[in-house]
Amino acid sequence: MVGDIVSIIEKVTPFNNKEKSWWKAKLTIAKNENGKIILDRKFEVGLFPSECVKIFDDKAGPPADQQLLAEKKDTVSAPTNGHTFLKPTANLASQSKKSTTEWHPPRRDRSLVRTLLRRHAERQTPLVFGTDLVEYLQKTGEDVPLILKKCVEVIEMHGIVTGVYRQCGIQSNIQKLRNGFDSGHLPDLRDEAILKDIHSVSSLLKQYFRQLPNPLFTFELYPEFLGAYEKTDEDQANRFKDVIGRLPREHYRTAKYLIRHLTKLCQCTHLTDMNSKNLAIVWAPNLF
């Protein structure tokens, strides 16, 4: 959309069309139909026609289309062996004068640049959702994710209700809690509105594990878990124990904390209607 900001990665020229060039870029700031900036948009990489992209930064240069035009004017094709030679510069003084002329982006663009820089500074605080578990725990120094601790505390105190982890919470409440954790401002999970919608807390916790780049039980060990499942009853428990013991330390501690919590819930089946099989059904897709 017109007005979006992209971060240039490289210039791409199609093999079959040397006159056409594209910028490979990552969408970093997008706008909606009303022109409002969307800051929570996921990064998207794509190709953009060079004539539709204007380049600007703190060291700014001319717009992309003018830059490409200048490059074409600075080269001439000669018949000698089919080579292309640079056109000699006629006036070095005028060129030097031109190079000292500074180009500034329009006021609106400078405002967007400041927004982008502010967003980058905010991202220095490690996000919770979508961040690798090992990376997150190493940066924060926590033994297990704080969101896991806080959600488990509230659920074990206020969430022993019918359908816990099976029923979904109100989406607006889930998003509000997620934004709180991602921004570094710990949300109040004991707020009256949240306690009335306790399923939003359980939904939030499942969403956190579902969006880990490397699942809790890891891609690497997934075949091992399948192999353990196919064993006979006598060997199955020992095989699972062996595979779990090979998890990265951060994953192992987190899995131990979560399984201990789910084990407690299995003891409250008469209140939740959620036995071990039911809990396994709703949790497994979020852990592998």
Protein backbone atom coordinates (compact mmCIF):
# COMPACT_ATOMS: atom_id res chain seq x y z
CA MET A 1 0.00 0.00 0.00
CA VAL A 2 1.22 3.55 -0.71
CA GLY A 3 3.05 4.89 2.33
CA ASP A 4 4.28 1.53 3.64
CA ILE A 5 7.92 1.38 4.75
CA VAL A 6 10.15 -1.48 3.61
CA SER A 7 13.74 -2.40 4.48
CA ILE A 8 15.76 -3.02 1.31
CA ILE A 9 17.61 -6.35 1.18
CA GLU A 10 18.99 -6.42 -2.36
CA LYS A 11 18.36 -5.34 -5.93
CA VAL A 12 17.00 -8.00 -8.29
CA THR A 13 17.14 -7.84 -12.11
CA PRO A 14 15.14 -10.53 -13.96
CA PHE A 15 17.24 -12.65 -16.32
CA ASN A 16 14.84 -12.17 -19.21
CA ASN A 17 14.30 -8.44 -18.75
CA LYS A 18 17.40 -6.36 -18.09
CA GLU A 19 15.42 -3.10 -18.30
CA LYS A 20 13.19 -4.06 -15.36
CA SER A 21 14.56 -4.10 -11.82
CA TRP A 22 13.02 -4.92 -8.47
CA TRP A 23 13.90 -4.37 -4.84
CA LYS A 24 13.81 -7.41 -2.57
CA ALA A 25 12.63 -5.91 0.71
CA LYS A 26 11.01 -6.62 4.05
CA LEU A 27 7.78 -4.85 5.00
CA THR A 28 8.41 -3.21 8.37
CA ILE A 29 5.72 -0.56 8.76
CA ALA A 30 2.36 -0.96 7.06
CA LYS A 31 -0.76 1.16 6.91
CA ASN A 32 -4.39 0.18 6.90
CA GLU A 33 -7.05 1.54 4.56
CA ASN A 34 -7.56 4.58 6.82
CA GLY A 35 -3.87 5.49 6.64
CA LYS A 36 -3.18 4.49 10.25
CA ILE A 37 0.19 2.87 10.96
CA ILE A 38 0.06 -0.81 11.91
CA LEU A 39 2.92 -1.63 14.30
CA ASP A 40 2.04 -5.24 15.10
CA ARG A 41 2.24 -6.42 11.49
CA LYS A 42 4.40 -9.50 10.99
CA PHE A 43 7.52 -8.98 8.86
CA GLU A 44 6.91 -10.00 5.24
CA VAL A 45 9.58 -10.29 2.53
CA GLY A 46 8.70 -9.72 -1.10
CA LEU A 47 9.68 -8.06 -4.39
CA PHE A 48 8.73 -4.45 -5.15
CA PRO A 49 9.07 -2.71 -8.56
CA SER A 50 11.95 -0.23 -8.34
CA GLU A 51 9.84 2.58 -9.82
CA CYS A 52 7.38 2.20 -6.93
CA VAL A 53 10.02 2.47 -4.17
CA LYS A 54 11.57 5.67 -2.84
CA ILE A 55 14.78 5.17 -0.84
CA PHE A 56 15.45 7.31 2.21
CA ASP A 57 17.45 7.04 5.41
CA ASP A 58 19.45 9.24 7.74
CA LYS A 59 22.26 9.47 5.17
CA ALA A 60 19.64 9.80 2.46
CA GLY A 61 20.17 9.76 -1.25
CA PRO A 62 17.84 10.46 -4.19
CA PRO A 63 14.68 8.45 -4.81
CA ALA A 64 15.17 5.00 -6.32
CA ASP A 65 13.76 5.90 -9.75
CA GLN A 66 16.06 8.93 -10.05
CA GLN A 67 19.02 6.86 -8.91
CA LEU A 68 18.38 4.19 -11.56
CA LEU A 69 17.95 6.88 -14.23
CA ALA A 70 21.27 8.43 -13.23
CA GLU A 71 22.98 5.05 -13.45
CA LYS A 72 21.66 4.57 -16.99
CA LYS A 73 22.87 8.05 -18.02
CA ASP A 74 26.35 7.34 -16.66
CA THR A 75 26.87 4.35 -18.99
CA VAL A 76 27.07 4.17 -22.79
CA SER A 77 27.21 1.09 -24.99
CA ALA A 78 30.07 0.96 -27.48
CA PRO A 79 30.42 -1.53 -30.35
CA THR A 80 33.97 -2.47 -29.31
CA ASN A 81 33.81 -6.16 -28.43
CA GLY A 82 30.34 -5.64 -26.99
CA HIS A 83 31.68 -4.09 -23.77
CA THR A 84 30.02 -1.24 -21.86
CA PHE A 85 32.18 1.73 -20.88
CA LEU A 86 31.51 4.41 -18.28
CA LYS A 87 30.92 7.85 -19.72
CA PRO A 88 33.76 10.21 -18.68
CA THR A 89 32.76 12.94 -16.29
CA ALA A 90 32.74 16.31 -18.02
CA ASN A 91 32.86 18.57 -15.01
CA LEU A 92 34.37 17.21 -11.80
CA ALA A 93 33.68 20.46 -9.99
CA SER A 94 29.97 20.35 -10.75
CA GLN A 95 29.86 16.68 -9.77
CA SER A 96 31.57 17.43 -6.46
CA LYS A 97 29.10 20.24 -5.84
CA LYS A 98 26.18 17.90 -6.63
CA SER A 99 27.49 15.22 -4.28
CA THR A 100 27.50 17.66 -1.37
CA THR A 101 23.84 18.47 -1.89
CA GLU A 102 21.90 16.69 0.82
CA TRP A 103 18.51 15.17 0.09
CA HIS A 104 15.98 15.11 2.92
CA PRO A 105 12.86 12.98 2.98
CA PRO A 106 9.53 14.80 3.29
CA ARG A 107 8.32 15.63 6.79
CA ARG A 108 5.79 12.78 6.70
CA ASP A 109 8.55 10.28 5.82
CA ARG A 110 10.78 11.55 8.63
CA SER A 111 7.93 10.93 11.03
CA LEU A 112 7.68 7.34 9.81
CA VAL A 113 11.43 6.90 10.22
CA ARG A 114 11.18 8.03 13.85
CA THR A 115 8.34 5.57 14.36
CA LEU A 116 10.47 2.80 12.89
CA LEU A 117 13.42 3.67 15.13
CA ARG A 118 11.17 3.78 18.21
CA ARG A 119 9.73 0.41 17.27
CA HIS A 120 13.25 -1.01 16.90
CA ALA A 121 14.18 0.27 20.36
CA GLU A 122 11.09 -1.32 21.87
CA ARG A 123 12.01 -4.63 20.24
CA GLN A 124 15.26 -4.70 22.21
CA THR A 125 13.18 -6.08 25.09
CA PRO A 126 12.82 -9.78 24.24
CA LEU A 127 9.32 -10.58 23.07
CA VAL A 128 7.51 -13.48 24.69
CA PHE A 129 5.40 -14.88 21.88
CA GLY A 130 7.24 -16.30 18.88
CA THR A 131 10.65 -16.10 20.58
CA ASP A 132 12.86 -19.17 20.79
CA LEU A 133 12.60 -20.68 24.27
CA VAL A 134 16.35 -21.10 24.80
CA GLU A 135 17.08 -17.57 23.57
CA TYR A 136 14.35 -16.05 25.72
CA LEU A 137 15.40 -17.80 28.95
CA GLN A 138 19.06 -16.97 28.41
CA LYS A 139 18.25 -13.28 27.92
CA THR A 140 15.87 -13.02 30.87
CA GLY A 141 17.74 -15.30 33.26
CA GLU A 142 14.51 -17.11 34.19
CA ASP A 143 14.42 -20.86 34.87
CA VAL A 144 11.11 -21.22 33.04
CA PRO A 145 9.07 -18.65 31.09
CA LEU A 146 7.41 -16.09 33.35
CA ILE A 147 4.17 -16.40 31.41
CA LEU A 148 4.07 -20.11 32.31
CA LYS A 149 4.51 -19.39 36.02
CA LYS A 150 1.89 -16.64 36.12
CA CYS A 151 -0.74 -18.53 34.13
CA VAL A 152 -0.26 -21.73 36.15
CA GLU A 153 -0.60 -19.83 39.44
CA VAL A 154 -3.89 -18.25 38.40
CA ILE A 155 -5.33 -21.42 36.83
CA GLU A 156 -4.53 -23.58 39.85
CA MET A 157 -6.12 -21.00 42.14
CA HIS A 158 -9.10 -19.83 40.07
CA GLY A 159 -9.31 -22.06 37.00
CA ILE A 160 -10.33 -25.48 38.32
CA VAL A 161 -13.54 -25.28 36.30
CA THR A 162 -15.37 -27.39 33.75
CA GLY A 163 -13.57 -27.61 30.42
CA VAL A 164 -10.31 -25.95 31.49
CA TYR A 165 -7.91 -25.91 28.50
CA ARG A 166 -10.74 -27.24 26.29
CA GLN A 167 -12.89 -24.11 26.18
CA CYS A 168 -11.61 -20.90 24.60
CA GLY A 169 -11.52 -17.50 26.22
CA ILE A 170 -12.74 -14.19 24.79
CA GLN A 171 -10.37 -13.18 21.99
CA SER A 172 -10.11 -9.54 23.07
CA ASN A 173 -9.04 -10.59 26.56
CA ILE A 174 -6.46 -13.01 25.16
CA GLN A 175 -5.02 -10.30 22.92
CA LYS A 176 -4.90 -7.82 25.79
CA LEU A 177 -2.96 -10.27 27.95
CA ARG A 178 -0.63 -11.14 25.09
CA ASN A 179 0.14 -7.49 24.39
CA GLY A 180 0.93 -6.99 28.06
CA PHE A 181 3.50 -9.79 28.16
CA ASP A 182 5.03 -8.83 24.81
CA SER A 183 5.43 -5.17 25.81
CA GLY A 184 7.20 -6.04 29.05
CA HIS A 185 4.33 -4.72 31.19
CA LEU A 186 3.11 -7.71 33.19
CA PRO A 187 -0.70 -7.85 32.93
CA ASP A 188 -2.86 -8.36 36.00
CA LEU A 189 -4.14 -11.90 35.58
CA ARG A 190 -6.21 -11.50 38.73
CA ASP A 191 -8.20 -8.62 37.30
CA GLU A 192 -11.92 -9.19 37.85
CA ALA A 193 -12.67 -9.18 34.11
CA ILE A 194 -9.99 -11.82 33.52
CA LEU A 195 -11.11 -14.04 36.40
CA LYS A 196 -14.63 -13.99 34.97
CA ASP A 197 -13.11 -15.25 31.72
CA ILE A 198 -10.53 -17.64 33.19
CA HIS A 199 -10.45 -19.57 29.92
CA SER A 200 -8.64 -16.59 28.37
CA VAL A 201 -5.66 -17.38 30.64
CA SER A 202 -5.60 -21.07 29.68
CA SER A 203 -6.02 -20.14 26.00
CA LEU A 204 -3.13 -17.68 26.31
CA LEU A 205 -0.82 -20.34 27.71
CA LYS A 206 -1.62 -22.81 24.94
CA GLN A 207 -1.08 -20.06 22.37
CA TYR A 208 2.36 -19.31 23.82
CA PHE A 209 3.55 -22.90 23.41
CA ARG A 210 1.89 -23.22 20.00
CA GLN A 211 3.87 -20.26 18.66
CA LEU A 212 7.33 -21.33 19.83
CA PRO A 213 9.63 -21.44 16.76
CA ASN A 214 11.05 -24.73 18.04
CA PRO A 215 8.32 -26.67 19.88
CA LEU A 216 8.71 -27.61 23.53
CA PHE A 217 9.60 -31.19 22.63
CA THR A 218 11.71 -29.95 19.67
CA PHE A 219 11.77 -30.85 16.01
CA GLU A 220 15.02 -32.77 16.49
CA LEU A 221 13.55 -35.27 18.96
CA TYR A 222 10.17 -35.68 17.30
CA PRO A 223 11.17 -38.94 15.52
CA GLU A 224 12.46 -40.26 18.85
CA PHE A 225 9.12 -39.57 20.53
CA LEU A 226 7.34 -41.41 17.72
CA GLY A 227 9.70 -44.33 18.15
CA ALA A 228 9.01 -44.43 21.89
CA TYR A 229 5.26 -44.40 21.26
CA GLU A 230 5.56 -47.50 19.07
CA LYS A 231 7.27 -49.51 21.80
CA THR A 232 5.49 -52.07 23.99
CA ASP A 233 4.09 -51.04 27.36
CA GLU A 234 7.10 -52.43 29.22
CA ASP A 235 9.63 -50.39 27.27
CA GLN A 236 7.51 -47.35 26.44
CA ALA A 237 7.85 -45.51 29.76
CA ASN A 238 11.62 -45.99 29.90
CA ARG A 239 12.01 -44.91 26.28
CA PHE A 240 9.96 -41.74 26.83
CA LYS A 241 12.00 -40.97 29.95
CA ASP A 242 15.20 -41.37 27.96
CA VAL A 243 14.04 -39.08 25.14
CA ILE A 244 12.78 -36.38 27.53
CA GLY A 245 16.14 -36.47 29.30
CA ARG A 246 17.81 -35.49 26.02
CA LEU A 247 15.87 -32.24 25.70
CA PRO A 248 17.84 -28.98 25.95
CA ARG A 249 18.02 -27.84 29.58
CA GLU A 250 15.64 -24.93 29.02
CA HIS A 251 13.11 -27.16 27.31
CA TYR A 252 13.48 -29.86 29.97
CA ARG A 253 12.85 -27.46 32.89
CA THR A 254 9.86 -25.93 31.13
CA ALA A 255 8.38 -29.33 30.25
CA LYS A 256 8.82 -30.52 33.84
CA TYR A 257 7.01 -27.44 35.17
CA LEU A 258 4.14 -27.80 32.70
CA ILE A 259 3.71 -31.57 33.20
CA ARG A 260 3.64 -31.11 36.96
CA HIS A 261 0.82 -28.59 36.49
CA LEU A 262 -1.16 -30.89 34.18
CA THR A 263 -0.70 -33.76 36.65
CA LYS A 264 -2.37 -31.64 39.33
CA LEU A 265 -5.29 -31.00 37.00
CA CYS A 266 -5.68 -34.74 36.43
CA GLN A 267 -6.45 -35.02 40.14
CA CYS A 268 -9.39 -32.62 39.72
CA THR A 269 -11.25 -34.49 36.99
CA HIS A 270 -14.43 -34.50 39.09
CA LEU A 271 -14.44 -30.69 38.89
CA THR A 272 -13.11 -30.11 35.38
CA ASP A 273 -14.36 -33.10 33.35
CA MET A 274 -10.82 -33.16 31.94
CA ASN A 275 -8.99 -36.44 32.51
CA SER A 276 -5.45 -37.19 31.34
CA LYS A 277 -6.64 -38.29 27.90
CA ASN A 278 -8.68 -35.12 27.38
CA LEU A 279 -5.76 -32.93 28.46
CA ALA A 280 -3.43 -34.83 26.14
CA ILE A 281 -5.77 -34.26 23.20
CA VAL A 282 -5.94 -30.47 23.68
CA TRP A 283 -2.27 -30.02 24.60
CA ALA A 284 -0.37 -32.32 22.21
CA PRO A 285 -0.77 -30.09 19.10
CA ASN A 286 0.85 -27.23 21.02
CA LEU A 287 3.92 -29.16 22.19
CA PHE A 288 5.20 -30.94 19.04
